Amino acid sequence: MNESLLRKNIREIKAYVPGKTISGLIKLASNENPFGPSPKALEAIKKETSNLHIYPDQSSNKLREALSNKFSLPAECFVCGNGSDDIMQVLAASYINQGDEVIISKNTFSVYELVSKIYDGNAVFVDLKEFAVDLGAISSAITSKTKIIFLTNPNNPTGTIFTAGEFDSFMKNIPENIIVVVDEAYAEFVESKDYPDVLKYIKQGRNVIALRTFSKFYGLAGIRIGYGIGPKELLAPLFKVKMPFNVNRLAQAAAVAALDDKKFLEKTFKNNAEGKKYFYSEFDKLEIDYKKTEANFIFVNLKRPAEEFAKSMVEKGVIIRSLQSFGLPQAIRVSIGLPAQNKKFVSLLK
């Protein structure tokens, strides 16, 4: 194909690199729920299959009402998408003009950069500080051209968080013409009592959007369903820009049911908390350099080429994530699996 046919800003964009899936191996690479999908979600999907000839609800109203009840916010404060990355793209399409600056932390989820560049935004990268989002440096990077700031909390791939106090101090310095997007894909796994309450800024009407997903905690990665939370005035343009029927019937039904699957959610949280402690203990014994996490994965600084290590693990039956594509060529990310899976990985390190 003649590349001159492409829009100029598309020519240099790099495609998203997902974690690998190899049948028959233990997968600790993509932060999926090791228990599988929510059982209540599976039951809801079965019931909904007889309606597949009917278009889905354009606005995901039942799901938005369920989210409204969960978070005690009006349904108008929620927008649903084909994964939270769908919300990122619709947000970028709604608000980024050519030349607008979008501030992003280095070594984090690449879709922020991807959607910014697709819509002619200029990505401005800020270094992490000790593998954590540096809110002070991000504040210093703000200019008159800044339109959106993407924050990840917990951060992917390091699992670190910024605290409530740090976020409150940060928000005091944010001009009203800037949108702060907080990607909280792993928020349900957080144990820290000092995790920020982003919703309080949304209730105040600030230009803040929180992104959540059903892919991780709820075990619905394969059906693609996520949502954004924000002031209704800020979200209104997204409903004009998003594609019609962007969330399928099965995803909507599964998500509503999963929200109410308390037994499954409690089991997921408990397994993750215990898995973290196990890895910490074993990594300490082996003198492995890692970061304590508030997510369902652990960042490990190998201090040697991660790609080679990841390939050797595949040969031994376990898939983990090399962070080469994150710009961290000597680090890996290990998802917290079931106890037997975790023990298998640790045994390969000895």
Protein backbone atom coordinates (compact mmCIF):
# COMPACT_ATOMS: atom_id res chain seq x y z
CA MET A 1 0.00 0.00 0.00
CA ASN A 2 1.13 3.55 -0.74
CA GLU A 3 1.77 5.11 2.68
CA SER A 4 0.95 8.55 1.31
CA LEU A 5 -2.70 7.48 1.55
CA LEU A 6 -2.41 7.41 5.33
CA ARG A 7 -3.04 10.41 7.54
CA LYS A 8 0.36 11.80 8.56
CA ASN A 9 -0.17 11.24 12.28
CA ILE A 10 -1.06 7.56 11.72
CA ARG A 11 2.17 6.68 9.89
CA GLU A 12 4.36 6.73 13.00
CA ILE A 13 1.89 5.14 15.42
CA LYS A 14 2.88 1.77 16.87
CA ALA A 15 0.14 -0.83 17.31
CA TYR A 16 -0.75 -2.00 20.82
CA VAL A 17 1.20 -5.10 21.89
CA PRO A 18 -0.97 -7.50 23.97
CA GLY A 19 0.19 -10.24 26.30
CA LYS A 20 0.72 -13.66 24.75
CA THR A 21 -1.74 -16.55 24.99
CA ILE A 22 -0.52 -20.11 24.40
CA SER A 23 -2.96 -22.95 24.93
CA GLY A 24 -2.06 -25.40 27.68
CA LEU A 25 0.33 -23.13 29.54
CA ILE A 26 -0.13 -21.31 32.86
CA LYS A 27 -0.84 -17.71 31.89
CA LEU A 28 0.35 -15.07 34.35
CA ALA A 29 0.75 -12.36 31.73
CA SER A 30 -2.44 -10.35 31.20
CA ASN A 31 -3.85 -9.77 34.70
CA GLU A 32 -6.95 -11.85 34.04
CA ASN A 33 -9.08 -13.30 36.82
CA PRO A 34 -7.68 -16.79 37.54
CA PHE A 35 -11.14 -18.02 38.60
CA GLY A 36 -12.59 -17.21 35.19
CA PRO A 37 -15.79 -15.20 34.69
CA SER A 38 -18.29 -14.36 37.40
CA PRO A 39 -20.74 -17.32 37.62
CA LYS A 40 -23.67 -14.92 37.78
CA ALA A 41 -22.38 -13.26 34.62
CA LEU A 42 -22.23 -16.62 32.84
CA GLU A 43 -25.82 -17.36 33.83
CA ALA A 44 -26.94 -13.94 32.58
CA ILE A 45 -25.18 -14.54 29.26
CA LYS A 46 -27.00 -17.87 28.80
CA LYS A 47 -30.35 -16.19 29.40
CA GLU A 48 -29.54 -13.36 27.01
CA THR A 49 -28.55 -15.53 24.04
CA SER A 50 -32.17 -15.91 22.91
CA ASN A 51 -32.25 -12.13 22.32
CA LEU A 52 -29.23 -11.92 20.04
CA HIS A 53 -31.42 -11.03 17.06
CA ILE A 54 -32.35 -7.77 18.82
CA TYR A 55 -30.05 -4.75 18.86
CA PRO A 56 -28.61 -3.92 22.30
CA ASP A 57 -29.64 -0.92 24.36
CA GLN A 58 -27.85 2.00 22.72
CA SER A 59 -27.02 3.67 26.04
CA SER A 60 -26.57 0.59 28.28
CA ASN A 61 -29.26 1.99 30.56
CA LYS A 62 -29.67 -1.05 32.84
CA LEU A 63 -25.95 -1.16 33.44
CA ARG A 64 -25.77 2.57 34.05
CA GLU A 65 -28.59 2.28 36.59
CA ALA A 66 -26.75 -0.56 38.32
CA LEU A 67 -23.58 1.55 38.42
CA SER A 68 -25.62 4.49 39.68
CA ASN A 69 -26.78 2.38 42.63
CA LYS A 70 -23.26 1.12 43.32
CA PHE A 71 -21.60 4.54 43.35
CA SER A 72 -24.55 6.72 44.48
CA LEU A 73 -24.29 8.97 41.44
CA PRO A 74 -26.89 9.80 38.76
CA ALA A 75 -26.96 7.42 35.79
CA GLU A 76 -26.03 10.39 33.58
CA CYS A 77 -22.59 10.31 35.22
CA PHE A 78 -21.73 6.99 33.53
CA VAL A 79 -20.80 6.07 29.97
CA CYS A 80 -20.22 2.46 28.90
CA GLY A 81 -17.92 1.15 26.21
CA ASN A 82 -16.39 -1.85 24.51
CA GLY A 83 -13.73 -1.96 27.22
CA SER A 84 -12.41 1.12 29.00
CA ASP A 85 -10.02 1.71 26.10
CA ASP A 86 -13.12 2.38 23.98
CA ILE A 87 -13.97 5.19 26.40
CA MET A 88 -10.42 6.54 26.02
CA GLN A 89 -10.81 6.72 22.27
CA VAL A 90 -14.24 8.37 22.41
CA LEU A 91 -12.90 10.85 24.96
CA ALA A 92 -9.97 11.71 22.70
CA ALA A 93 -12.28 12.07 19.70
CA SER A 94 -14.52 14.42 21.69
CA TYR A 95 -11.91 16.72 23.19
CA ILE A 96 -8.51 16.63 21.47
CA ASN A 97 -7.85 19.27 18.83
CA GLN A 98 -4.78 19.27 16.61
CA GLY A 99 -1.78 20.37 18.65
CA ASP A 100 -3.37 19.87 22.06
CA GLU A 101 -0.96 18.40 24.58
CA VAL A 102 -1.77 15.19 26.44
CA ILE A 103 0.38 14.44 29.48
CA ILE A 104 1.19 10.76 30.03
CA SER A 105 3.56 8.97 32.39
CA LYS A 106 6.35 7.03 30.70
CA ASN A 107 6.44 3.25 30.88
CA THR A 108 2.71 2.80 31.30
CA PHE A 109 -0.36 1.67 29.32
CA SER A 110 0.34 2.53 25.67
CA VAL A 111 -3.29 3.18 24.66
CA TYR A 112 -3.14 6.69 26.16
CA GLU A 113 -0.47 7.63 23.63
CA LEU A 114 -2.25 5.75 20.86
CA VAL A 115 -5.59 7.55 21.15
CA SER A 116 -3.88 10.91 21.62
CA LYS A 117 -1.90 10.59 18.42
CA ILE A 118 -4.82 9.24 16.40
CA TYR A 119 -6.61 12.55 17.02
CA ASP A 120 -3.57 14.77 16.34
CA GLY A 121 -2.69 15.40 19.97
CA ASN A 122 0.90 15.81 21.12
CA ALA A 123 1.86 13.28 23.77
CA VAL A 124 4.04 14.77 26.51
CA PHE A 125 5.81 12.10 28.56
CA VAL A 126 6.79 12.44 32.21
CA ASP A 127 9.21 10.06 33.92
CA LEU A 128 8.07 7.77 36.70
CA LYS A 129 9.68 8.34 40.10
CA GLU A 130 10.87 5.09 41.63
CA PHE A 131 8.48 3.25 39.29
CA ALA A 132 5.50 5.32 40.50
CA VAL A 133 3.45 8.10 38.88
CA ASP A 134 5.13 11.43 39.71
CA LEU A 135 2.28 13.91 40.23
CA GLY A 136 4.67 16.75 41.00
CA ALA A 137 6.51 16.32 37.71
CA ILE A 138 3.21 16.04 35.87
CA SER A 139 2.06 19.36 37.39
CA SER A 140 5.30 20.95 36.22
CA ALA A 141 4.71 19.67 32.67
CA ILE A 142 1.41 21.56 32.30
CA THR A 143 1.41 24.33 29.69
CA SER A 144 -1.20 26.53 28.04
CA LYS A 145 -1.61 23.76 25.44
CA THR A 146 -2.41 20.97 27.90
CA LYS A 147 -5.86 19.47 27.31
CA ILE A 148 -5.85 16.04 29.00
CA ILE A 149 -3.78 14.38 31.72
CA PHE A 150 -3.88 10.57 31.88
CA LEU A 151 -3.12 9.07 35.29
CA THR A 152 -3.05 5.36 36.12
CA ASN A 153 -3.90 4.34 39.67
CA PRO A 154 -2.86 1.65 40.49
CA ASN A 155 -0.17 2.10 37.88
CA ASN A 156 0.22 -0.49 35.15
CA PRO A 157 2.73 -2.20 35.05
CA THR A 158 4.25 -1.31 38.44
CA GLY A 159 1.22 -1.70 40.76
CA THR A 160 2.09 1.45 42.71
CA ILE A 161 -0.46 4.08 43.73
CA PHE A 162 -0.48 7.77 44.52
CA THR A 163 -2.23 8.56 47.79
CA ALA A 164 -5.33 10.58 48.60
CA GLY A 165 -3.23 13.41 50.00
CA GLU A 166 -0.97 13.46 46.95
CA PHE A 167 -3.95 13.57 44.60
CA ASP A 168 -5.68 16.31 46.58
CA SER A 169 -2.53 18.45 46.43
CA PHE A 170 -2.23 17.74 42.71
CA MET A 171 -5.82 18.75 41.99
CA LYS A 172 -5.32 22.14 43.68
CA ASN A 173 -2.94 23.08 40.87
CA ILE A 174 -5.02 21.87 37.92
CA PRO A 175 -6.62 24.61 35.77
CA GLU A 176 -10.33 24.26 35.00
CA ASN A 177 -9.66 23.89 31.26
CA ILE A 178 -7.79 20.59 31.68
CA ILE A 179 -9.41 17.15 31.86
CA VAL A 180 -7.87 14.73 34.36
CA VAL A 181 -8.50 11.09 33.43
CA VAL A 182 -7.78 8.56 36.18
CA ASP A 183 -7.58 5.00 34.87
CA GLU A 184 -8.68 2.82 37.79
CA ALA A 185 -8.72 -0.53 36.00
CA TYR A 186 -7.33 -2.27 39.09
CA ALA A 187 -9.07 -0.23 41.81
CA GLU A 188 -11.12 -3.17 43.10
CA PHE A 189 -7.92 -4.94 44.19
CA VAL A 190 -6.62 -2.03 46.29
CA GLU A 191 -6.07 -2.73 49.99
CA SER A 192 -4.54 0.62 50.97
CA LYS A 193 -6.72 2.87 53.15
CA ASP A 194 -5.03 5.90 51.56
CA TYR A 195 -6.36 5.35 48.04
CA PRO A 196 -7.79 8.57 46.52
CA ASP A 197 -11.52 9.23 46.29
CA VAL A 198 -11.71 10.45 42.71
CA LEU A 199 -15.51 10.49 42.85
CA LYS A 200 -15.54 13.46 45.22
CA TYR A 201 -14.11 15.63 42.44
CA ILE A 202 -16.70 14.30 40.02
CA LYS A 203 -19.44 15.19 42.51
CA GLN A 204 -17.96 18.70 42.69
CA GLY A 205 -18.29 19.01 38.92
CA ARG A 206 -14.54 19.14 38.27
CA ASN A 207 -13.24 18.04 34.87
CA VAL A 208 -12.31 14.59 36.12
CA ILE A 209 -13.16 11.22 34.59
CA ALA A 210 -12.52 7.87 36.28
CA LEU A 211 -12.21 4.80 34.06
CA ARG A 212 -13.15 1.33 35.28
CA THR A 213 -13.34 -2.08 33.64
CA PHE A 214 -15.02 -5.46 34.07
CA SER A 215 -12.00 -7.21 32.52
CA LYS A 216 -9.93 -7.76 35.66
CA PHE A 217 -11.79 -8.11 38.96
CA TYR A 218 -15.03 -9.36 37.39
CA GLY A 219 -13.40 -11.81 34.96
CA LEU A 220 -15.00 -10.48 31.77
CA ALA A 221 -11.94 -9.56 29.68
CA GLY A 222 -13.11 -11.61 26.70
CA ILE A 223 -16.49 -9.93 26.34
CA ARG A 224 -15.14 -6.32 26.44
CA ILE A 225 -17.01 -4.03 28.81
CA GLY A 226 -15.81 -0.94 30.64
CA TYR A 227 -17.16 2.40 31.79
CA GLY A 228 -16.31 5.98 32.56
CA ILE A 229 -17.53 8.07 35.50
CA GLY A 230 -17.66 11.84 35.28
CA PRO A 231 -19.81 14.96 35.52
CA LYS A 232 -22.73 14.56 33.12
CA GLU A 233 -21.82 17.75 31.26
CA LEU A 234 -18.32 16.40 30.61
CA LEU A 235 -19.61 13.02 29.42
CA ALA A 236 -22.44 14.34 27.22
CA PRO A 237 -20.25 14.79 24.09
CA LEU A 238 -19.07 11.18 24.36
CA PHE A 239 -22.61 9.95 23.70
CA LYS A 240 -22.60 11.92 20.44
CA VAL A 241 -19.23 10.58 19.32
CA LYS A 242 -19.37 6.90 20.32
CA MET A 243 -20.46 4.37 17.73
CA PRO A 244 -24.09 3.18 17.85
CA PHE A 245 -24.62 -0.02 19.86
CA ASN A 246 -20.98 -0.06 20.99
CA VAL A 247 -21.71 -2.45 23.89
CA ASN A 248 -23.27 -5.78 22.90
CA ARG A 249 -26.22 -7.40 24.67
CA LEU A 250 -24.19 -10.16 26.29
CA ALA A 251 -21.67 -7.71 27.74
CA GLN A 252 -24.38 -5.50 29.21
CA ALA A 253 -26.20 -8.43 30.81
CA ALA A 254 -22.98 -9.98 32.11
CA ALA A 255 -21.78 -6.74 33.67
CA VAL A 256 -25.05 -6.09 35.51
CA ALA A 257 -24.99 -9.62 36.94
CA ALA A 258 -21.29 -9.49 37.84
CA LEU A 259 -21.77 -6.37 39.95
CA ASP A 260 -24.06 -8.39 42.21
CA ASP A 261 -21.90 -11.53 42.45
CA LYS A 262 -20.68 -10.83 45.99
CA LYS A 263 -19.42 -14.35 46.74
CA PHE A 264 -17.28 -14.42 43.60
CA LEU A 265 -15.93 -10.92 44.20
CA GLU A 266 -15.00 -11.71 47.80
CA LYS A 267 -13.22 -14.88 46.66
CA THR A 268 -11.33 -12.93 44.00
CA PHE A 269 -10.19 -10.26 46.47
CA LYS A 270 -9.09 -12.84 49.06
CA ASN A 271 -7.12 -14.89 46.54
CA ASN A 272 -5.34 -11.79 45.30
CA ALA A 273 -4.45 -10.57 48.79
CA GLU A 274 -3.08 -13.98 49.77
CA GLY A 275 -1.24 -14.33 46.46
CA LYS A 276 0.54 -11.03 47.02
CA LYS A 277 1.76 -12.11 50.45
CA TYR A 278 3.00 -15.42 49.04
CA PHE A 279 4.98 -13.73 46.27
CA TYR A 280 6.43 -11.15 48.67
CA SER A 281 7.64 -13.89 51.00
CA GLU A 282 9.16 -16.01 48.25
CA PHE A 283 10.73 -13.09 46.40
CA ASP A 284 12.31 -11.87 49.64
CA LYS A 285 13.84 -15.30 50.23
CA LEU A 286 15.26 -15.27 46.70
CA GLU A 287 16.42 -11.64 47.04
CA ILE A 288 14.40 -10.64 43.98
CA ASP A 289 13.83 -6.91 43.39
CA TYR A 290 10.08 -6.21 43.19
CA LYS A 291 7.52 -3.51 44.01
CA LYS A 292 4.71 -4.08 46.48
CA THR A 293 1.46 -3.87 44.58
CA GLU A 294 -2.10 -2.63 44.95
CA ALA A 295 -3.18 -4.48 41.80
CA ASN A 296 -3.42 -8.12 40.71
CA PHE A 297 0.10 -8.31 39.38
CA ILE A 298 3.64 -7.75 40.64
CA PHE A 299 6.40 -5.75 38.96
CA VAL A 300 9.79 -7.47 39.09
CA ASN A 301 13.02 -5.72 38.18
CA LEU A 302 15.18 -8.55 36.87
CA LYS A 303 18.15 -6.31 36.06
CA ARG A 304 18.78 -8.51 33.03
CA PRO A 305 17.08 -8.92 29.63
CA ALA A 306 13.42 -9.67 30.27
CA GLU A 307 12.63 -10.98 26.79
CA GLU A 308 15.08 -13.86 27.19
CA PHE A 309 13.72 -14.65 30.64
CA ALA A 310 10.11 -14.61 29.40
CA LYS A 311 10.98 -17.01 26.58
CA SER A 312 12.66 -19.37 29.02
CA MET A 313 9.53 -19.34 31.19
CA VAL A 314 7.33 -20.26 28.21
CA GLU A 315 9.58 -23.24 27.56
CA LYS A 316 8.94 -24.29 31.17
CA GLY A 317 5.16 -23.88 30.91
CA VAL A 318 4.47 -20.39 32.30
CA ILE A 319 3.68 -17.17 30.42
CA ILE A 320 4.66 -13.92 32.12
CA ARG A 321 4.85 -10.43 30.61
CA SER A 322 8.15 -8.98 29.51
CA LEU A 323 7.94 -5.20 29.83
CA GLN A 324 10.05 -4.52 26.75
CA SER A 325 7.03 -2.90 25.05
CA PHE A 326 6.60 -0.62 28.10
CA GLY A 327 10.15 0.66 27.70
CA LEU A 328 11.37 -1.43 30.65
CA PRO A 329 13.57 -4.06 28.96
CA GLN A 330 14.88 -5.54 32.21
CA ALA A 331 11.55 -5.93 34.00
CA ILE A 332 8.62 -8.33 33.99
CA ARG A 333 5.04 -8.24 35.21
CA VAL A 334 3.64 -11.35 36.87
CA SER A 335 -0.12 -11.72 37.30
CA ILE A 336 -1.31 -13.19 40.59
CA GLY A 337 -2.88 -16.54 39.80
CA LEU A 338 -4.28 -19.44 41.78
CA PRO A 339 -2.00 -20.77 44.56
CA ALA A 340 -0.76 -23.72 42.50
CA GLN A 341 0.03 -21.43 39.56
CA ASN A 342 1.94 -19.02 41.78
CA LYS A 343 3.92 -21.87 43.32
CA LYS A 344 4.78 -23.24 39.88
CA PHE A 345 6.23 -19.90 38.81
CA VAL A 346 8.25 -19.52 42.02
CA SER A 347 9.60 -23.07 41.66
CA LEU A 348 11.03 -22.10 38.27
CA LEU A 349 12.99 -19.27 39.86
CA LYS A 350 14.86 -21.54 42.26
